[in-house]
N, C-alpha and C. Protein backbone atom coordinates (compact mmCIF):
# COMPACT_ATOMS: atom_id res chain seq x y z
N MET A 1 0.80 -1.18 0.00
CA MET A 1 0.01 -0.03 0.02
C MET A 1 0.83 1.25 0.01
N ARG A 2 1.95 1.25 0.76
CA ARG A 2 2.85 2.46 0.81
C ARG A 2 3.43 2.72 -0.58
N SER A 3 3.77 1.71 -1.30
CA SER A 3 4.28 2.01 -2.70
C SER A 3 3.23 2.61 -3.54
N LEU A 4 1.98 2.20 -3.36
CA LEU A 4 0.84 2.88 -4.16
C LEU A 4 0.74 4.30 -3.71
N VAL A 5 0.94 4.63 -2.44
CA VAL A 5 0.84 6.04 -1.98
C VAL A 5 1.95 6.83 -2.58
N TYR A 6 3.17 6.23 -2.63
CA TYR A 6 4.25 6.95 -3.35
C TYR A 6 3.92 7.21 -4.80
N ALA A 7 3.42 6.17 -5.44
CA ALA A 7 3.16 6.25 -6.86
C ALA A 7 2.07 7.32 -7.14
N ALA A 8 1.07 7.37 -6.28
CA ALA A 8 0.00 8.32 -6.45
C ALA A 8 0.46 9.71 -6.17
N ALA A 9 1.28 9.93 -5.20
CA ALA A 9 1.79 11.23 -4.80
C ALA A 9 2.77 11.72 -5.93
N MET A 10 3.36 10.80 -6.61
CA MET A 10 4.36 11.22 -7.63
C MET A 10 3.71 11.10 -9.05
N ALA A 11 2.43 10.87 -9.23
CA ALA A 11 1.82 10.63 -10.51
C ALA A 11 1.78 11.89 -11.38
N ARG A 12 1.67 12.97 -10.79
CA ARG A 12 1.60 14.27 -11.54
C ARG A 12 2.95 14.81 -11.72
N GLY A 13 3.18 15.38 -12.87
CA GLY A 13 4.54 15.96 -13.11
C GLY A 13 5.51 14.90 -13.56
N SER A 14 6.66 15.39 -13.81
CA SER A 14 7.82 14.50 -14.24
C SER A 14 8.76 14.23 -13.10
N HIS A 15 8.54 13.12 -12.36
CA HIS A 15 9.42 12.79 -11.28
C HIS A 15 10.45 11.79 -11.75
N HIS A 16 11.69 12.23 -11.89
CA HIS A 16 12.69 11.35 -12.40
C HIS A 16 12.92 10.18 -11.34
N GLY A 17 12.91 9.02 -11.86
CA GLY A 17 13.16 7.84 -10.96
C GLY A 17 11.88 7.41 -10.20
N ARG A 18 10.73 7.76 -10.66
CA ARG A 18 9.47 7.40 -10.00
C ARG A 18 9.36 5.85 -9.82
N GLU A 19 9.72 5.07 -10.89
CA GLU A 19 9.60 3.68 -10.79
C GLU A 19 10.64 3.10 -9.74
N ALA A 20 11.81 3.70 -9.74
CA ALA A 20 12.88 3.24 -8.77
C ALA A 20 12.40 3.46 -7.32
N VAL A 21 11.77 4.63 -7.11
CA VAL A 21 11.18 4.87 -5.73
C VAL A 21 10.19 3.81 -5.32
N VAL A 22 9.30 3.45 -6.23
CA VAL A 22 8.24 2.47 -5.91
C VAL A 22 8.86 1.12 -5.78
N LEU A 23 9.83 0.75 -6.59
CA LEU A 23 10.44 -0.57 -6.48
C LEU A 23 11.22 -0.67 -5.12
N VAL A 24 11.94 0.33 -4.77
CA VAL A 24 12.66 0.43 -3.48
C VAL A 24 11.67 0.22 -2.36
N GLU A 25 10.60 0.98 -2.39
CA GLU A 25 9.57 0.86 -1.36
C GLU A 25 9.02 -0.59 -1.23
N ILE A 26 8.67 -1.18 -2.40
CA ILE A 26 8.13 -2.55 -2.34
C ILE A 26 9.21 -3.47 -1.72
N ALA A 27 10.45 -3.40 -2.12
CA ALA A 27 11.48 -4.25 -1.55
C ALA A 27 11.64 -4.01 -0.11
N TYR A 28 11.71 -2.71 0.32
CA TYR A 28 11.95 -2.36 1.71
C TYR A 28 10.88 -2.89 2.61
N VAL A 29 9.60 -2.62 2.23
CA VAL A 29 8.46 -3.05 3.04
C VAL A 29 8.38 -4.60 3.05
N THR A 30 8.59 -5.24 1.93
CA THR A 30 8.55 -6.69 1.95
C THR A 30 9.54 -7.32 2.89
N LEU A 31 10.73 -6.74 2.96
CA LEU A 31 11.79 -7.28 3.82
C LEU A 31 11.63 -6.91 5.32
N THR A 32 10.94 -5.81 5.58
CA THR A 32 10.96 -5.36 6.99
C THR A 32 9.55 -5.32 7.68
N ALA A 33 8.53 -5.58 6.98
CA ALA A 33 7.12 -5.51 7.56
C ALA A 33 6.95 -6.37 8.76
N GLY A 34 7.40 -7.65 8.66
CA GLY A 34 7.24 -8.54 9.80
C GLY A 34 8.07 -8.09 11.05
N PHE A 35 9.25 -7.55 10.75
CA PHE A 35 10.02 -7.01 11.88
C PHE A 35 9.32 -5.89 12.61
N TYR A 36 8.81 -4.90 11.86
CA TYR A 36 8.13 -3.77 12.52
C TYR A 36 6.82 -4.21 13.18
N ALA A 37 6.06 -5.13 12.53
CA ALA A 37 4.86 -5.61 13.19
C ALA A 37 5.17 -6.37 14.43
N GLY A 38 6.26 -7.11 14.51
CA GLY A 38 6.73 -7.74 15.69
C GLY A 38 7.02 -6.72 16.83
N LEU A 39 7.69 -5.69 16.46
CA LEU A 39 7.97 -4.61 17.47
C LEU A 39 6.72 -4.06 17.99
N GLN A 40 5.71 -3.83 17.13
CA GLN A 40 4.43 -3.28 17.53
C GLN A 40 3.72 -4.24 18.45
N GLN A 41 3.77 -5.56 18.14
CA GLN A 41 3.11 -6.48 19.02
C GLN A 41 3.81 -6.60 20.35
N ARG A 42 5.06 -6.51 20.42
CA ARG A 42 5.86 -6.49 21.65
C ARG A 42 5.43 -5.26 22.50
N ALA A 43 5.25 -4.20 21.80
CA ALA A 43 4.91 -2.84 22.53
C ALA A 43 3.55 -2.95 23.27
N LEU A 44 2.66 -3.97 22.79
CA LEU A 44 1.35 -4.00 23.42
C LEU A 44 1.53 -4.42 24.93
N GLY A 45 2.58 -5.14 25.25
CA GLY A 45 2.78 -5.59 26.65
C GLY A 45 3.49 -4.49 27.52
N VAL A 46 3.93 -3.37 26.93
CA VAL A 46 4.55 -2.31 27.69
C VAL A 46 3.60 -1.62 28.64
N ARG A 47 3.93 -1.41 29.85
CA ARG A 47 3.18 -0.77 30.88
C ARG A 47 3.80 0.57 31.29
N PRO A 48 3.14 1.64 31.46
CA PRO A 48 1.68 1.77 31.20
C PRO A 48 1.22 1.64 29.80
N ALA A 49 0.01 1.19 29.63
CA ALA A 49 -0.47 0.90 28.31
C ALA A 49 -0.35 2.11 27.34
N LEU A 50 -0.52 3.32 27.90
CA LEU A 50 -0.38 4.50 27.09
C LEU A 50 0.98 4.60 26.42
N LEU A 51 2.05 4.17 27.20
CA LEU A 51 3.33 4.18 26.61
C LEU A 51 3.50 3.13 25.51
N GLY A 52 2.94 1.95 25.76
CA GLY A 52 2.92 0.88 24.64
C GLY A 52 2.22 1.42 23.43
N ASP A 53 1.05 2.11 23.70
CA ASP A 53 0.29 2.66 22.47
C ASP A 53 1.16 3.69 21.84
N ALA A 54 1.89 4.52 22.46
CA ALA A 54 2.74 5.56 21.82
C ALA A 54 3.88 4.88 21.08
N ILE A 55 4.37 3.81 21.52
CA ILE A 55 5.42 3.07 20.84
C ILE A 55 4.89 2.51 19.55
N VAL A 56 3.60 1.91 19.66
CA VAL A 56 2.98 1.35 18.39
C VAL A 56 2.65 2.46 17.42
N VAL A 57 2.17 3.59 17.88
CA VAL A 57 1.68 4.60 16.92
C VAL A 57 2.81 5.58 16.55
N LEU A 58 3.73 5.86 17.41
CA LEU A 58 4.74 6.85 17.09
C LEU A 58 6.17 6.27 16.87
N GLY A 59 6.59 5.45 17.93
CA GLY A 59 7.89 4.94 17.90
C GLY A 59 8.27 4.08 16.77
N VAL A 60 7.52 2.96 16.55
CA VAL A 60 7.80 2.08 15.48
C VAL A 60 7.64 2.64 14.14
N PRO A 61 6.56 3.38 13.89
CA PRO A 61 6.40 4.00 12.54
C PRO A 61 7.41 5.09 12.29
N GLY A 62 7.85 5.81 13.36
CA GLY A 62 8.91 6.77 13.17
C GLY A 62 10.22 6.11 12.80
N LEU A 63 10.52 5.04 13.47
CA LEU A 63 11.73 4.25 13.13
C LEU A 63 11.66 3.72 11.68
N ALA A 64 10.51 3.15 11.29
CA ALA A 64 10.35 2.62 10.02
C ALA A 64 10.51 3.73 8.92
N GLN A 65 9.95 4.91 9.19
CA GLN A 65 9.97 6.02 8.24
C GLN A 65 11.44 6.54 8.10
N ALA A 66 12.13 6.58 9.22
CA ALA A 66 13.57 7.07 9.22
C ALA A 66 14.36 6.08 8.44
N MET A 67 14.21 4.80 8.66
CA MET A 67 14.92 3.79 7.95
C MET A 67 14.56 3.79 6.45
N ASP A 68 13.31 3.87 6.17
CA ASP A 68 12.81 4.01 4.82
C ASP A 68 13.48 5.11 4.07
N TRP A 69 13.49 6.22 4.65
CA TRP A 69 14.11 7.39 4.06
C TRP A 69 15.64 7.12 3.76
N THR A 70 16.27 6.54 4.76
CA THR A 70 17.70 6.27 4.63
C THR A 70 17.99 5.26 3.53
N VAL A 71 17.13 4.21 3.43
CA VAL A 71 17.31 3.26 2.34
C VAL A 71 17.07 3.92 0.98
N HIS A 72 16.08 4.78 0.82
CA HIS A 72 15.83 5.49 -0.39
C HIS A 72 17.04 6.33 -0.79
N ARG A 73 17.51 7.05 0.20
CA ARG A 73 18.71 7.92 -0.11
C ARG A 73 19.97 7.14 -0.43
N ALA A 74 20.13 6.01 0.23
CA ALA A 74 21.33 5.16 0.02
C ALA A 74 21.35 4.57 -1.38
N VAL A 75 20.22 4.22 -1.93
CA VAL A 75 20.12 3.62 -3.18
C VAL A 75 19.93 4.61 -4.37
N GLY A 76 19.83 5.87 -3.94
CA GLY A 76 19.66 6.94 -5.02
C GLY A 76 18.30 7.05 -5.56
N ALA A 77 17.32 6.56 -4.81
CA ALA A 77 15.94 6.67 -5.22
C ALA A 77 15.13 7.45 -4.26
N SER A 78 15.52 8.73 -3.97
CA SER A 78 14.80 9.59 -3.00
C SER A 78 13.45 9.98 -3.56
N ALA A 79 12.49 10.03 -2.75
CA ALA A 79 11.18 10.52 -3.09
C ALA A 79 11.13 12.02 -2.84
N PRO A 80 10.32 12.65 -3.62
CA PRO A 80 10.13 14.16 -3.37
C PRO A 80 9.44 14.37 -2.00
N GLY A 81 9.60 15.52 -1.43
CA GLY A 81 8.97 15.81 -0.13
C GLY A 81 7.49 15.54 -0.08
N LYS A 82 6.77 15.95 -1.10
CA LYS A 82 5.32 15.76 -1.07
C LYS A 82 5.00 14.24 -1.00
N ALA A 83 5.73 13.42 -1.70
CA ALA A 83 5.47 11.97 -1.60
C ALA A 83 5.80 11.38 -0.24
N THR A 84 6.88 11.82 0.28
CA THR A 84 7.35 11.40 1.67
C THR A 84 6.30 11.85 2.74
N LEU A 85 5.77 13.08 2.58
CA LEU A 85 4.73 13.53 3.51
C LEU A 85 3.41 12.65 3.34
N ALA A 86 3.08 12.36 2.13
CA ALA A 86 1.88 11.49 1.88
C ALA A 86 2.04 10.16 2.53
N VAL A 87 3.29 9.54 2.33
CA VAL A 87 3.50 8.23 2.94
C VAL A 87 3.53 8.29 4.45
N SER A 88 4.08 9.36 4.94
CA SER A 88 4.08 9.58 6.47
C SER A 88 2.68 9.65 7.03
N LEU A 89 1.81 10.37 6.33
CA LEU A 89 0.48 10.42 6.86
C LEU A 89 -0.29 9.08 6.74
N PHE A 90 -0.02 8.38 5.62
CA PHE A 90 -0.59 7.06 5.43
C PHE A 90 -0.07 6.21 6.60
N THR A 91 1.27 6.27 6.85
CA THR A 91 1.79 5.39 7.93
C THR A 91 1.21 5.69 9.23
N ALA A 92 0.89 6.98 9.59
CA ALA A 92 0.28 7.32 10.85
C ALA A 92 -1.08 6.73 11.01
N ILE A 93 -1.90 6.85 9.95
CA ILE A 93 -3.25 6.28 9.95
C ILE A 93 -3.17 4.73 10.07
N SER A 94 -2.24 4.19 9.30
CA SER A 94 -2.02 2.72 9.36
C SER A 94 -1.66 2.27 10.74
N ALA A 95 -0.75 2.97 11.43
CA ALA A 95 -0.35 2.65 12.72
C ALA A 95 -1.53 2.71 13.73
N LEU A 96 -2.31 3.69 13.62
CA LEU A 96 -3.52 3.77 14.48
C LEU A 96 -4.45 2.55 14.23
N PHE A 97 -4.61 2.18 12.98
CA PHE A 97 -5.40 1.01 12.65
C PHE A 97 -4.76 -0.25 13.25
N HIS A 98 -3.39 -0.35 13.15
CA HIS A 98 -2.76 -1.56 13.69
C HIS A 98 -3.02 -1.62 15.16
N LEU A 99 -2.90 -0.46 15.89
CA LEU A 99 -3.09 -0.49 17.26
C LEU A 99 -4.56 -0.87 17.62
N TYR A 100 -5.51 -0.32 16.90
CA TYR A 100 -6.94 -0.69 17.10
C TYR A 100 -7.16 -2.20 16.96
N VAL A 101 -6.73 -2.75 15.82
CA VAL A 101 -6.99 -4.18 15.61
C VAL A 101 -6.20 -5.06 16.50
N MET A 102 -4.99 -4.75 16.84
CA MET A 102 -4.21 -5.54 17.71
C MET A 102 -4.75 -5.48 19.17
N ARG A 103 -5.21 -4.34 19.62
CA ARG A 103 -5.91 -4.31 20.96
C ARG A 103 -7.12 -5.07 21.06
N ARG A 104 -7.65 -5.47 19.81
CA ARG A 104 -8.93 -6.26 19.75
C ARG A 104 -8.54 -7.70 19.36
N GLY A 105 -7.25 -8.06 19.43
CA GLY A 105 -6.87 -9.49 19.27
C GLY A 105 -6.63 -9.92 17.85
N ALA A 106 -6.64 -9.04 16.87
CA ALA A 106 -6.48 -9.38 15.46
C ALA A 106 -5.06 -9.13 14.99
N PHE A 107 -4.61 -9.93 14.12
CA PHE A 107 -3.28 -9.87 13.50
C PHE A 107 -2.14 -9.93 14.46
N LEU A 108 -2.32 -10.82 15.39
CA LEU A 108 -1.28 -11.13 16.41
C LEU A 108 -0.78 -12.52 16.08
N THR A 109 0.54 -12.70 16.41
CA THR A 109 1.15 -13.98 16.22
C THR A 109 1.33 -14.75 17.57
N GLY A 110 1.76 -15.98 17.46
CA GLY A 110 2.04 -16.76 18.66
C GLY A 110 0.76 -17.11 19.45
N ASP A 111 0.90 -17.28 20.74
CA ASP A 111 -0.24 -17.74 21.50
C ASP A 111 -1.46 -16.77 21.56
N ARG A 112 -1.09 -15.50 21.31
CA ARG A 112 -2.11 -14.51 21.39
C ARG A 112 -2.87 -14.36 20.05
N GLY A 113 -2.43 -15.02 18.95
CA GLY A 113 -3.03 -14.83 17.72
C GLY A 113 -4.07 -15.87 17.28
N ASN A 114 -4.89 -15.53 16.36
CA ASN A 114 -5.90 -16.41 15.73
C ASN A 114 -5.29 -16.77 14.36
N SER A 115 -5.99 -17.53 13.65
CA SER A 115 -5.52 -17.84 12.26
C SER A 115 -5.75 -16.58 11.40
N LEU A 116 -4.97 -16.52 10.32
CA LEU A 116 -5.04 -15.36 9.46
C LEU A 116 -6.50 -15.27 8.81
N ALA A 117 -7.05 -16.49 8.49
CA ALA A 117 -8.31 -16.49 7.94
C ALA A 117 -9.39 -15.98 8.93
N ALA A 118 -9.27 -16.32 10.23
CA ALA A 118 -10.18 -15.81 11.26
C ALA A 118 -10.04 -14.27 11.37
N ASP A 119 -8.82 -13.74 11.29
CA ASP A 119 -8.62 -12.36 11.35
C ASP A 119 -9.26 -11.60 10.13
N PHE A 120 -9.05 -12.19 8.97
CA PHE A 120 -9.75 -11.60 7.81
C PHE A 120 -11.18 -11.66 7.82
N ARG A 121 -11.79 -12.69 8.42
CA ARG A 121 -13.26 -12.73 8.57
C ARG A 121 -13.74 -11.60 9.48
N ARG A 122 -12.92 -11.22 10.40
CA ARG A 122 -13.29 -10.15 11.36
C ARG A 122 -13.07 -8.77 10.74
N MET A 123 -12.42 -8.72 9.58
CA MET A 123 -11.88 -7.41 9.09
C MET A 123 -13.02 -6.42 8.79
N PRO A 124 -14.13 -6.83 8.18
CA PRO A 124 -15.23 -5.80 7.98
C PRO A 124 -15.68 -5.11 9.20
N LEU A 125 -15.87 -5.84 10.30
CA LEU A 125 -16.31 -5.17 11.56
C LEU A 125 -15.22 -4.42 12.16
N LEU A 126 -14.00 -4.80 12.06
CA LEU A 126 -12.86 -4.08 12.56
C LEU A 126 -12.70 -2.75 11.78
N VAL A 127 -12.79 -2.82 10.53
CA VAL A 127 -12.74 -1.61 9.69
C VAL A 127 -13.87 -0.57 10.06
N ALA A 128 -15.05 -1.17 10.17
CA ALA A 128 -16.19 -0.29 10.50
C ALA A 128 -15.97 0.26 11.89
N GLY A 129 -15.54 -0.45 12.85
CA GLY A 129 -15.27 0.08 14.19
C GLY A 129 -14.21 1.11 14.17
N PHE A 130 -13.18 0.95 13.41
CA PHE A 130 -12.10 1.90 13.36
C PHE A 130 -12.58 3.20 12.72
N VAL A 131 -13.36 3.11 11.68
CA VAL A 131 -13.85 4.29 10.97
C VAL A 131 -14.78 5.05 11.86
N ALA A 132 -15.62 4.32 12.63
CA ALA A 132 -16.61 4.97 13.48
C ALA A 132 -15.99 5.46 14.82
N ARG A 133 -14.78 5.05 15.16
CA ARG A 133 -14.23 5.42 16.49
C ARG A 133 -14.22 6.89 16.71
N PRO A 134 -13.85 7.70 15.78
CA PRO A 134 -13.92 9.16 16.05
C PRO A 134 -15.32 9.69 16.44
N LEU A 135 -16.36 9.05 15.79
CA LEU A 135 -17.77 9.42 16.04
C LEU A 135 -18.09 9.06 17.45
N VAL A 136 -17.48 8.10 18.01
CA VAL A 136 -17.75 7.64 19.46
C VAL A 136 -16.85 8.55 20.36
N LEU A 137 -15.66 8.79 20.04
CA LEU A 137 -14.77 9.51 20.92
C LEU A 137 -15.11 10.96 21.10
N LEU A 138 -15.48 11.63 19.97
CA LEU A 138 -15.78 13.05 20.02
C LEU A 138 -16.90 13.47 20.95
N PRO A 139 -18.05 12.76 20.90
CA PRO A 139 -19.12 13.19 21.95
C PRO A 139 -18.65 12.87 23.37
N ALA A 140 -17.90 11.83 23.52
CA ALA A 140 -17.43 11.54 24.89
C ALA A 140 -16.54 12.62 25.38
N ALA A 141 -15.57 13.07 24.44
CA ALA A 141 -14.66 14.16 24.84
C ALA A 141 -15.39 15.43 25.14
N ALA A 142 -16.43 15.75 24.29
CA ALA A 142 -17.21 16.99 24.51
C ALA A 142 -17.94 16.87 25.83
N ALA A 143 -18.47 15.73 26.19
CA ALA A 143 -19.18 15.60 27.47
C ALA A 143 -18.21 15.79 28.63
N ARG A 144 -16.99 15.19 28.55
CA ARG A 144 -16.03 15.34 29.57
C ARG A 144 -15.60 16.78 29.73
N LEU A 145 -15.41 17.50 28.62
CA LEU A 145 -15.07 18.95 28.76
C LEU A 145 -16.18 19.74 29.37
N ALA A 146 -17.41 19.43 29.00
CA ALA A 146 -18.53 20.18 29.65
C ALA A 146 -18.60 19.89 31.13
N ARG A 147 -18.25 18.68 31.60
CA ARG A 147 -18.25 18.35 33.03
C ARG A 147 -17.13 19.12 33.73
N ILE A 148 -15.97 19.27 33.07
CA ILE A 148 -14.86 20.06 33.63
C ILE A 148 -15.22 21.51 33.71
N ARG A 149 -15.77 22.06 32.70
CA ARG A 149 -16.24 23.41 32.75
C ARG A 149 -17.27 23.68 33.79
N SER A 150 -18.16 22.76 33.90
CA SER A 150 -19.25 22.86 34.94
C SER A 150 -18.67 22.80 36.36
N ALA A 151 -17.74 21.90 36.54
CA ALA A 151 -17.04 21.84 37.85
C ALA A 151 -16.25 23.09 38.15
N GLU A 152 -15.58 23.63 37.21
CA GLU A 152 -14.81 24.87 37.40
C GLU A 152 -15.69 26.08 37.72
N ALA A 153 -16.91 26.15 37.13
CA ALA A 153 -17.81 27.20 37.31
C ALA A 153 -18.44 27.11 38.73
N ALA A 154 -18.50 25.98 39.26
CA ALA A 154 -19.11 25.76 40.56
C ALA A 154 -18.38 26.24 41.73
C-alpha cells in the first residue's frame, strides 16, 4: 500500500526515478514489515499501556520512516517531499489502525493470535469500528469537557 501512496503522490509531473522509488519501497516493506509488526506486538505488553500505545503509533512508525528514508537515499531513489509527506500520513493512519485491531486481538502472532483466515473474517467489523471510532470519541470528549467546565464554574 505504501508503494501505491508513493506512486499516487508522484503521479503528476515528471518525477525522475518514480519507478525506482516505488520498487525500492516494495522491496523495503517486503523485507521489513514482519520485523516492524513484531515490534508493535511486543509494545502491546509495555506498561503503562499509554506508553505501549505511543510506541505502536509513534515509535515504531517513526523508526520505519527514518529507515525507509535512509534506504531510499542510500540507493539513490529519493522521493520528493510531497510523496514522503503523503507516505508519512498514510503510515500514521495505518499505525492507528494496527493499534486498534491488535488491541482487539487481530493480526497477532504466537499464543495471542488467531488464524489469518479468522482475522480476515473479522476485518469488515474491525474496519467499520475503526472508521466509527472518532464518532464515538468526539461526543465523549465533549461531554468530559462540559463536566470540567461545569465543575470549574461551581
